């Protein structure tokens, strides 16, 4: 009798689990089908950074039509980057990228920037929007993100200069001027550099200087680089990852055009 009792309980448990698992599997099937409809094949990945002057925010429009429902469109906040929000996946070629000023989104409005769809499937790009509203411009780069180094605790860093028209140089604090980057012109990227990021490595303090005079323009600290100093449960955005440190602003300007560095995450 005891054996029969447990068998009945087991049968009930299996039936109950089936009732729970079946709807879950159905939802997963629907979700997977929806994903396939949205992005098929091998899309191009475009990471967008809004470095516009005067705090200008922009809406991205890939539809080719105007107006669209902008409350559901991608809003590119000024001098801010979040990999979850600043990413475009392009699976139709060619594909124009139209950018409208927020909140100037009436039917009569034209795009502030219209970017031809010269993209290729499977490629990774970094797109920088810069300048003032009256002279908006963009710079598009094809990226080769470094592979993850699983043998050592390292990070990969590069600099992007989108600060006015001023060439810069970069050094780590305590090292000679320009020893990390000797000369980085306006609208250009440096190469990625692999740096140690293990338990014995302190945070790096980078000093950005005027390339001509050597004057210090701003500095940046890689806070949380050392795994031993991170708060429990927080994500370390440095180790085994690649980041671009984007230098923006105008010399001597106040908010919102002061010179500063924003981290652009890649992996």
C-alpha atoms as a PDB file:
ATOM      1  CA  UNK A   1       0.000   0.000   0.000  1.00  0.00           C
ATOM      2  CA  UNK A   2       2.839   2.396   0.825  1.00  0.00           C
ATOM      3  CA  UNK A   3       4.428   1.747  -2.584  1.00  0.00           C
ATOM      4  CA  UNK A   4       1.137   2.450  -4.367  1.00  0.00           C
ATOM      5  CA  UNK A   5       0.677   5.693  -2.405  1.00  0.00           C
ATOM      6  CA  UNK A   6       4.029   7.139  -3.529  1.00  0.00           C
ATOM      7  CA  UNK A   7       3.389   6.097  -7.116  1.00  0.00           C
ATOM      8  CA  UNK A   8       0.139   8.049  -7.117  1.00  0.00           C
ATOM      9  CA  UNK A   9       1.905  11.097  -5.710  1.00  0.00           C
ATOM     10  CA  UNK A  10       4.635  10.813  -8.327  1.00  0.00           C
ATOM     11  CA  UNK A  11       2.008  10.574 -11.070  1.00  0.00           C
ATOM     12  CA  UNK A  12       0.327  13.738  -9.793  1.00  0.00           C
ATOM     13  CA  UNK A  13       3.660  15.562  -9.637  1.00  0.00           C
ATOM     14  CA  UNK A  14       4.531  14.594 -13.195  1.00  0.00           C
ATOM     15  CA  UNK A  15       1.111  15.774 -14.396  1.00  0.00           C
ATOM     16  CA  UNK A  16       1.464  19.068 -12.515  1.00  0.00           C
ATOM     17  CA  UNK A  17       4.925  19.628 -13.905  1.00  0.00           C
ATOM     18  CA  UNK A  18       3.640  18.937 -17.401  1.00  0.00           C
ATOM     19  CA  UNK A  19       0.958  21.585 -16.918  1.00  0.00           C
ATOM     20  CA  UNK A  20       3.639  24.079 -15.899  1.00  0.00           C
ATOM     21  CA  UNK A  21       6.279  23.178 -18.478  1.00  0.00           C
ATOM     22  CA  UNK A  22       4.009  22.992 -21.531  1.00  0.00           C
ATOM     23  CA  UNK A  23       2.910  26.670 -21.487  1.00  0.00           C
ATOM     24  CA  UNK A  24       6.543  27.679 -20.850  1.00  0.00           C
ATOM     25  CA  UNK A  25       7.739  25.726 -23.877  1.00  0.00           C
ATOM     26  CA  UNK A  26       4.927  27.230 -25.950  1.00  0.00           C
ATOM     27  CA  UNK A  27       5.960  30.754 -24.942  1.00  0.00           C
ATOM     28  CA  UNK A  28       9.601  30.010 -25.752  1.00  0.00           C
ATOM     29  CA  UNK A  29       8.569  28.734 -29.189  1.00  0.00           C
ATOM     30  CA  UNK A  30       6.563  31.894 -29.887  1.00  0.00           C
ATOM     31  CA  UNK A  31       9.402  34.100 -28.604  1.00  0.00           C
ATOM     32  CA  UNK A  32      11.952  32.317 -30.773  1.00  0.00           C
ATOM     33  CA  UNK A  33       9.701  32.656 -33.824  1.00  0.00           C
ATOM     34  CA  UNK A  34       9.293  36.385 -33.177  1.00  0.00           C
ATOM     35  CA  UNK A  35      13.051  36.849 -32.896  1.00  0.00           C
ATOM     36  CA  UNK A  36      13.579  35.134 -36.226  1.00  0.00           C
ATOM     37  CA  UNK A  37      11.081  37.506 -37.817  1.00  0.00           C
ATOM     38  CA  UNK A  38      12.852  40.578 -36.441  1.00  0.00           C
ATOM     39  CA  UNK A  39      16.493  39.824 -37.260  1.00  0.00           C
ATOM     40  CA  UNK A  40      17.170  37.176 -39.832  1.00  0.00           C
ATOM     41  CA  UNK A  41      20.541  36.112 -41.151  1.00  0.00           C
ATOM     42  CA  UNK A  42      23.698  37.913 -40.056  1.00  0.00           C
ATOM     43  CA  UNK A  43      22.906  41.576 -39.267  1.00  0.00           C
ATOM     44  CA  UNK A  44      25.352  44.456 -39.266  1.00  0.00           C
ATOM     45  CA  UNK A  45      25.902  45.905 -35.803  1.00  0.00           C
ATOM     46  CA  UNK A  46      26.126  49.697 -35.438  1.00  0.00           C
ATOM     47  CA  UNK A  47      27.086  51.182 -32.079  1.00  0.00           C
ATOM     48  CA  UNK A  48      26.022  54.842 -32.002  1.00  0.00           C
ATOM     49  CA  UNK A  49      27.551  57.584 -29.846  1.00  0.00           C
ATOM     50  CA  UNK A  50      25.906  61.020 -29.715  1.00  0.00           C
ATOM     51  CA  UNK A  51      28.709  63.575 -29.231  1.00  0.00           C
ATOM     52  CA  UNK A  52      26.668  66.561 -30.465  1.00  0.00           C
ATOM     53  CA  UNK A  53      27.298  69.977 -28.904  1.00  0.00           C
ATOM     54  CA  UNK A  54      24.816  71.859 -26.702  1.00  0.00           C
ATOM     55  CA  UNK A  55      23.230  68.771 -25.155  1.00  0.00           C
ATOM     56  CA  UNK A  56      21.341  67.783 -28.313  1.00  0.00           C
ATOM     57  CA  UNK A  57      19.456  64.445 -28.149  1.00  0.00           C
ATOM     58  CA  UNK A  58      18.436  62.564 -31.300  1.00  0.00           C
ATOM     59  CA  UNK A  59      15.888  59.990 -32.444  1.00  0.00           C
ATOM     60  CA  UNK A  60      16.956  57.221 -34.822  1.00  0.00           C
ATOM     61  CA  UNK A  61      14.590  56.312 -37.665  1.00  0.00           C
ATOM     62  CA  UNK A  62      15.284  53.286 -39.892  1.00  0.00           C
ATOM     63  CA  UNK A  63      11.867  53.163 -41.570  1.00  0.00           C
ATOM     64  CA  UNK A  64      12.567  55.713 -44.306  1.00  0.00           C
ATOM     65  CA  UNK A  65       9.233  57.378 -43.475  1.00  0.00           C
ATOM     66  CA  UNK A  66       8.240  60.403 -41.416  1.00  0.00           C
ATOM     67  CA  UNK A  67       6.553  60.924 -39.070  1.00  0.00           C
ATOM     68  CA  UNK A  68       6.871  57.758 -36.984  1.00  0.00           C
ATOM     69  CA  UNK A  69       5.879  56.948 -33.406  1.00  0.00           C
ATOM     70  CA  UNK A  70       8.901  58.404 -31.653  1.00  0.00           C
ATOM     71  CA  UNK A  71       7.988  57.211 -28.186  1.00  0.00           C
ATOM     72  CA  UNK A  72       8.964  53.733 -29.420  1.00  0.00           C
ATOM     73  CA  UNK A  73      12.001  54.921 -31.415  1.00  0.00           C
ATOM     74  CA  UNK A  74      15.600  54.743 -30.268  1.00  0.00           C
ATOM     75  CA  UNK A  75      16.477  57.889 -28.313  1.00  0.00           C
ATOM     76  CA  UNK A  76      20.179  58.718 -28.393  1.00  0.00           C
ATOM     77  CA  UNK A  77      20.871  60.760 -25.272  1.00  0.00           C
ATOM     78  CA  UNK A  78      23.692  63.268 -25.411  1.00  0.00           C
ATOM     79  CA  UNK A  79      27.182  62.054 -24.430  1.00  0.00           C
ATOM     80  CA  UNK A  80      25.743  58.930 -22.826  1.00  0.00           C
ATOM     81  CA  UNK A  81      26.300  55.316 -23.775  1.00  0.00           C
ATOM     82  CA  UNK A  82      24.532  52.118 -22.802  1.00  0.00           C
ATOM     83  CA  UNK A  83      25.098  49.011 -24.917  1.00  0.00           C
ATOM     84  CA  UNK A  84      21.415  48.081 -24.456  1.00  0.00           C
ATOM     85  CA  UNK A  85      20.186  51.394 -25.858  1.00  0.00           C
ATOM     86  CA  UNK A  86      22.805  52.665 -28.327  1.00  0.00           C
ATOM     87  CA  UNK A  87      22.853  49.635 -30.601  1.00  0.00           C
ATOM     88  CA  UNK A  88      21.339  49.264 -34.086  1.00  0.00           C
ATOM     89  CA  UNK A  89      20.989  45.846 -35.734  1.00  0.00           C
ATOM     90  CA  UNK A  90      20.698  46.223 -39.498  1.00  0.00           C
ATOM     91  CA  UNK A  91      19.449  43.243 -41.514  1.00  0.00           C
ATOM     92  CA  UNK A  92      18.219  45.007 -44.675  1.00  0.00           C
ATOM     93  CA  UNK A  93      20.705  46.392 -47.189  1.00  0.00           C
ATOM     94  CA  UNK A  94      21.065  49.136 -48.192  1.00  0.00           C
ATOM     95  CA  UNK A  95      19.692  50.838 -45.064  1.00  0.00           C
ATOM     96  CA  UNK A  96      19.529  54.594 -44.475  1.00  0.00           C
ATOM     97  CA  UNK A  97      19.853  55.806 -40.895  1.00  0.00           C
ATOM     98  CA  UNK A  98      17.926  59.046 -40.364  1.00  0.00           C
ATOM     99  CA  UNK A  99      18.430  61.037 -37.171  1.00  0.00           C
ATOM    100  CA  UNK A 100      15.936  63.633 -36.001  1.00  0.00           C
ATOM    101  CA  UNK A 101      16.332  66.231 -33.283  1.00  0.00           C
ATOM    102  CA  UNK A 102      14.333  65.522 -30.136  1.00  0.00           C
ATOM    103  CA  UNK A 103      11.651  66.846 -29.811  1.00  0.00           C
ATOM    104  CA  UNK A 104      11.495  68.383 -33.345  1.00  0.00           C
ATOM    105  CA  UNK A 105       9.545  65.477 -34.822  1.00  0.00           C
ATOM    106  CA  UNK A 106       6.691  67.094 -36.758  1.00  0.00           C
ATOM    107  CA  UNK A 107       5.827  65.861 -40.289  1.00  0.00           C
ATOM    108  CA  UNK A 108       7.524  68.923 -41.855  1.00  0.00           C
ATOM    109  CA  UNK A 109      10.840  68.216 -40.153  1.00  0.00           C
ATOM    110  CA  UNK A 110      13.764  66.837 -42.112  1.00  0.00           C
ATOM    111  CA  UNK A 111      16.455  64.597 -40.648  1.00  0.00           C
ATOM    112  CA  UNK A 112      19.291  66.457 -38.994  1.00  0.00           C
ATOM    113  CA  UNK A 113      21.616  63.736 -40.284  1.00  0.00           C
ATOM    114  CA  UNK A 114      20.885  61.166 -43.007  1.00  0.00           C
ATOM    115  CA  UNK A 115      23.449  58.385 -43.332  1.00  0.00           C
ATOM    116  CA  UNK A 116      23.639  56.267 -46.522  1.00  0.00           C
ATOM    117  CA  UNK A 117      23.316  52.547 -45.946  1.00  0.00           C
ATOM    118  CA  UNK A 118      26.838  51.546 -46.951  1.00  0.00           C
ATOM    119  CA  UNK A 119      26.934  48.660 -44.478  1.00  0.00           C
ATOM    120  CA  UNK A 120      27.704  44.970 -44.869  1.00  0.00           C
ATOM    121  CA  UNK A 121      26.114  41.977 -43.174  1.00  0.00           C
ATOM    122  CA  UNK A 122      28.042  40.609 -40.214  1.00  0.00           C
ATOM    123  CA  UNK A 123      30.266  43.678 -39.833  1.00  0.00           C
ATOM    124  CA  UNK A 124      30.601  45.786 -36.678  1.00  0.00           C
ATOM    125  CA  UNK A 125      30.625  49.594 -36.873  1.00  0.00           C
ATOM    126  CA  UNK A 126      31.041  52.559 -34.546  1.00  0.00           C
ATOM    127  CA  UNK A 127      29.028  55.645 -35.531  1.00  0.00           C
ATOM    128  CA  UNK A 128      29.833  59.023 -33.941  1.00  0.00           C
ATOM    129  CA  UNK A 129      27.467  62.002 -34.320  1.00  0.00           C
ATOM    130  CA  UNK A 130      29.132  65.362 -33.716  1.00  0.00           C
ATOM    131  CA  UNK A 131      29.082  69.113 -34.319  1.00  0.00           C
ATOM    132  CA  UNK A 132      26.372  71.703 -33.718  1.00  0.00           C
ATOM    133  CA  UNK A 133      22.769  71.578 -34.926  1.00  0.00           C
ATOM    134  CA  UNK A 134      23.568  74.002 -37.764  1.00  0.00           C
ATOM    135  CA  UNK A 135      26.502  71.897 -38.924  1.00  0.00           C
ATOM    136  CA  UNK A 136      25.789  68.335 -37.818  1.00  0.00           C
ATOM    137  CA  UNK A 137      28.132  65.618 -39.068  1.00  0.00           C
ATOM    138  CA  UNK A 138      28.938  61.969 -38.541  1.00  0.00           C
ATOM    139  CA  UNK A 139      31.946  59.643 -38.632  1.00  0.00           C
ATOM    140  CA  UNK A 140      31.478  55.931 -39.354  1.00  0.00           C
ATOM    141  CA  UNK A 141      34.201  53.378 -38.633  1.00  0.00           C
ATOM    142  CA  UNK A 142      34.353  49.678 -39.362  1.00  0.00           C
ATOM    143  CA  UNK A 143      35.513  47.968 -36.161  1.00  0.00           C
ATOM    144  CA  UNK A 144      37.738  45.008 -35.432  1.00  0.00           C
ATOM    145  CA  UNK A 145      37.030  44.307 -31.759  1.00  0.00           C
ATOM    146  CA  UNK A 146      39.935  42.375 -30.169  1.00  0.00           C
ATOM    147  CA  UNK A 147      39.230  38.747 -29.234  1.00  0.00           C
ATOM    148  CA  UNK A 148      38.911  37.937 -25.553  1.00  0.00           C
ATOM    149  CA  UNK A 149      42.176  36.872 -23.935  1.00  0.00           C
ATOM    150  CA  UNK A 150      41.193  33.907 -21.760  1.00  0.00           C
ATOM    151  CA  UNK A 151      44.749  33.217 -20.615  1.00  0.00           C
ATOM    152  CA  UNK A 152      45.344  36.485 -18.742  1.00  0.00           C
ATOM    153  CA  UNK A 153      43.170  39.016 -16.917  1.00  0.00           C
ATOM    154  CA  UNK A 154      43.310  41.935 -19.339  1.00  0.00           C
ATOM    155  CA  UNK A 155      41.239  44.740 -20.820  1.00  0.00           C
ATOM    156  CA  UNK A 156      41.372  46.468 -24.215  1.00  0.00           C
ATOM    157  CA  UNK A 157      41.116  50.261 -24.451  1.00  0.00           C
ATOM    158  CA  UNK A 158      41.206  52.852 -27.191  1.00  0.00           C
ATOM    159  CA  UNK A 159      40.504  56.601 -27.379  1.00  0.00           C
ATOM    160  CA  UNK A 160      38.196  58.541 -29.706  1.00  0.00           C
ATOM    161  CA  UNK A 161      38.730  62.275 -30.153  1.00  0.00           C
ATOM    162  CA  UNK A 162      35.538  64.219 -30.832  1.00  0.00           C
ATOM    163  CA  UNK A 163      36.469  67.391 -28.957  1.00  0.00           C
ATOM    164  CA  UNK A 164      36.236  70.438 -31.236  1.00  0.00           C
ATOM    165  CA  UNK A 165      39.148  70.397 -33.732  1.00  0.00           C
ATOM    166  CA  UNK A 166      41.934  69.873 -31.224  1.00  0.00           C
ATOM    167  CA  UNK A 167      44.583  67.116 -31.585  1.00  0.00           C
ATOM    168  CA  UNK A 168      45.307  65.403 -28.277  1.00  0.00           C
ATOM    169  CA  UNK A 169      47.898  63.128 -26.716  1.00  0.00           C
ATOM    170  CA  UNK A 170      47.364  60.727 -23.808  1.00  0.00           C
ATOM    171  CA  UNK A 171      49.508  59.345 -21.009  1.00  0.00           C
ATOM    172  CA  UNK A 172      48.965  57.259 -17.886  1.00  0.00           C
ATOM    173  CA  UNK A 173      49.540  59.397 -14.791  1.00  0.00           C
ATOM    174  CA  UNK A 174      53.208  59.435 -13.835  1.00  0.00           C
ATOM    175  CA  UNK A 175      54.410  58.577 -17.323  1.00  0.00           C
ATOM    176  CA  UNK A 176      55.696  61.026 -19.985  1.00  0.00           C
ATOM    177  CA  UNK A 177      53.236  63.125 -21.986  1.00  0.00           C
ATOM    178  CA  UNK A 178      52.025  61.283 -25.073  1.00  0.00           C
ATOM    179  CA  UNK A 179      53.482  57.940 -23.971  1.00  0.00           C
ATOM    180  CA  UNK A 180      50.139  56.129 -24.386  1.00  0.00           C
ATOM    181  CA  UNK A 181      48.931  58.014 -27.498  1.00  0.00           C
ATOM    182  CA  UNK A 182      51.285  60.456 -29.171  1.00  0.00           C
ATOM    183  CA  UNK A 183      48.916  62.274 -31.515  1.00  0.00           C
ATOM    184  CA  UNK A 184      45.173  61.723 -31.996  1.00  0.00           C
ATOM    185  CA  UNK A 185      43.537  64.245 -34.390  1.00  0.00           C
ATOM    186  CA  UNK A 186      39.916  65.358 -34.265  1.00  0.00           C
ATOM    187  CA  UNK A 187      37.409  62.770 -35.581  1.00  0.00           C
ATOM    188  CA  UNK A 188      39.776  59.827 -35.230  1.00  0.00           C
ATOM    189  CA  UNK A 189      40.250  56.643 -33.204  1.00  0.00           C
ATOM    190  CA  UNK A 190      43.381  55.135 -31.723  1.00  0.00           C
ATOM    191  CA  UNK A 191      44.158  51.427 -31.899  1.00  0.00           C
ATOM    192  CA  UNK A 192      43.010  49.138 -29.094  1.00  0.00           C
ATOM    193  CA  UNK A 193      45.710  48.537 -26.475  1.00  0.00           C
ATOM    194  CA  UNK A 194      45.699  45.492 -24.192  1.00  0.00           C
ATOM    195  CA  UNK A 195      46.327  46.336 -20.514  1.00  0.00           C
ATOM    196  CA  UNK A 196      46.663  44.208 -17.388  1.00  0.00           C
ATOM    197  CA  UNK A 197      43.509  43.961 -15.255  1.00  0.00           C
ATOM    198  CA  UNK A 198      44.327  41.391 -12.580  1.00  0.00           C
ATOM    199  CA  UNK A 199      44.153  41.537  -8.771  1.00  0.00           C
ATOM    200  CA  UNK A 200      47.522  43.327  -8.560  1.00  0.00           C
ATOM    201  CA  UNK A 201      46.618  46.074 -11.050  1.00  0.00           C
ATOM    202  CA  UNK A 202      45.409  49.429  -9.659  1.00  0.00           C
ATOM    203  CA  UNK A 203      42.975  51.596 -11.607  1.00  0.00           C
ATOM    204  CA  UNK A 204      44.565  53.397 -14.535  1.00  0.00           C
ATOM    205  CA  UNK A 205      44.440  57.199 -14.481  1.00  0.00           C
ATOM    206  CA  UNK A 206      44.648  58.603 -18.005  1.00  0.00           C
ATOM    207  CA  UNK A 207      45.619  62.219 -18.650  1.00  0.00           C
ATOM    208  CA  UNK A 208      44.386  63.814 -21.873  1.00  0.00           C
ATOM    209  CA  UNK A 209      46.511  66.741 -23.010  1.00  0.00           C
ATOM    210  CA  UNK A 210      46.633  69.336 -25.766  1.00  0.00           C
ATOM    211  CA  UNK A 211      49.040  67.746 -28.223  1.00  0.00           C
ATOM    212  CA  UNK A 212      50.674  71.072 -29.142  1.00  0.00           C
ATOM    213  CA  UNK A 213      51.137  72.579 -25.667  1.00  0.00           C
ATOM    214  CA  UNK A 214      51.039  69.558 -23.331  1.00  0.00           C
ATOM    215  CA  UNK A 215      48.430  71.305 -21.166  1.00  0.00           C
ATOM    216  CA  UNK A 216      46.153  68.937 -19.219  1.00  0.00           C
ATOM    217  CA  UNK A 217      42.590  68.991 -20.590  1.00  0.00           C
ATOM    218  CA  UNK A 218      40.950  66.287 -18.490  1.00  0.00           C
ATOM    219  CA  UNK A 219      41.687  63.000 -16.749  1.00  0.00           C
ATOM    220  CA  UNK A 220      39.849  59.705 -16.441  1.00  0.00           C
ATOM    221  CA  UNK A 221      40.077  56.826 -13.953  1.00  0.00           C
ATOM    222  CA  UNK A 222      39.067  53.265 -14.841  1.00  0.00           C
ATOM    223  CA  UNK A 223      37.053  52.821 -11.628  1.00  0.00           C
ATOM    224  CA  UNK A 224      36.340  49.188 -10.762  1.00  0.00           C
ATOM    225  CA  UNK A 225      39.055  47.759 -13.015  1.00  0.00           C
ATOM    226  CA  UNK A 226      40.574  45.618 -10.244  1.00  0.00           C
ATOM    227  CA  UNK A 227      38.335  42.573  -9.581  1.00  0.00           C
ATOM    228  CA  UNK A 228      39.157  42.795  -5.875  1.00  0.00           C
ATOM    229  CA  UNK A 229      37.713  46.322  -5.540  1.00  0.00           C
ATOM    230  CA  UNK A 230      34.341  45.725  -7.252  1.00  0.00           C
ATOM    231  CA  UNK A 231      31.185  45.631  -5.160  1.00  0.00           C
ATOM    232  CA  UNK A 232      29.666  42.136  -4.800  1.00  0.00           C
ATOM    233  CA  UNK A 233      27.141  41.430  -7.531  1.00  0.00           C
ATOM    234  CA  UNK A 234      28.312  44.251  -9.814  1.00  0.00           C
ATOM    235  CA  UNK A 235      29.405  43.632 -13.406  1.00  0.00           C
ATOM    236  CA  UNK A 236      33.038  44.392 -14.170  1.00  0.00           C
ATOM    237  CA  UNK A 237      32.925  46.297 -17.467  1.00  0.00           C
ATOM    238  CA  UNK A 238      36.700  46.193 -17.945  1.00  0.00           C
ATOM    239  CA  UNK A 239      38.133  42.712 -17.515  1.00  0.00           C
ATOM    240  CA  UNK A 240      37.874  40.556 -20.682  1.00  0.00           C
ATOM    241  CA  UNK A 241      36.143  43.473 -22.409  1.00  0.00           C
ATOM    242  CA  UNK A 242      36.875  46.212 -24.957  1.00  0.00           C
ATOM    243  CA  UNK A 243      35.979  49.876 -24.384  1.00  0.00           C
ATOM    244  CA  UNK A 244      36.393  53.160 -26.225  1.00  0.00           C
ATOM    245  CA  UNK A 245      37.050  56.269 -24.115  1.00  0.00           C
ATOM    246  CA  UNK A 246      35.317  59.060 -26.056  1.00  0.00           C
ATOM    247  CA  UNK A 247      36.736  62.556 -25.500  1.00  0.00           C
ATOM    248  CA  UNK A 248      34.160  65.286 -26.256  1.00  0.00           C
ATOM    249  CA  UNK A 249      33.445  68.959 -25.635  1.00  0.00           C
ATOM    250  CA  UNK A 250      35.096  72.316 -26.319  1.00  0.00           C
ATOM    251  CA  UNK A 251      38.215  73.830 -24.702  1.00  0.00           C
ATOM    252  CA  UNK A 252      37.303  76.058 -21.761  1.00  0.00           C
ATOM    253  CA  UNK A 253      33.531  75.547 -22.195  1.00  0.00           C
ATOM    254  CA  UNK A 254      31.049  75.048 -19.360  1.00  0.00           C
ATOM    255  CA  UNK A 255      28.076  72.690 -19.149  1.00  0.00           C
ATOM    256  CA  UNK A 256      26.944  71.006 -21.370  1.00  0.00           C
ATOM    257  CA  UNK A 257      29.983  71.512 -23.635  1.00  0.00           C
ATOM    258  CA  UNK A 258      32.779  70.983 -21.124  1.00  0.00           C
ATOM    259  CA  UNK A 259      35.525  68.569 -22.113  1.00  0.00           C
ATOM    260  CA  UNK A 260      35.069  65.103 -20.654  1.00  0.00           C
ATOM    261  CA  UNK A 261      35.389  61.385 -21.299  1.00  0.00           C
ATOM    262  CA  UNK A 262      32.519  58.901 -21.670  1.00  0.00           C
ATOM    263  CA  UNK A 263      32.982  55.118 -21.774  1.00  0.00           C
ATOM    264  CA  UNK A 264      31.627  53.320 -24.851  1.00  0.00           C
ATOM    265  CA  UNK A 265      31.346  49.580 -24.143  1.00  0.00           C
ATOM    266  CA  UNK A 266      31.932  46.993 -26.857  1.00  0.00           C
ATOM    267  CA  UNK A 267      31.811  43.626 -25.103  1.00  0.00           C
END
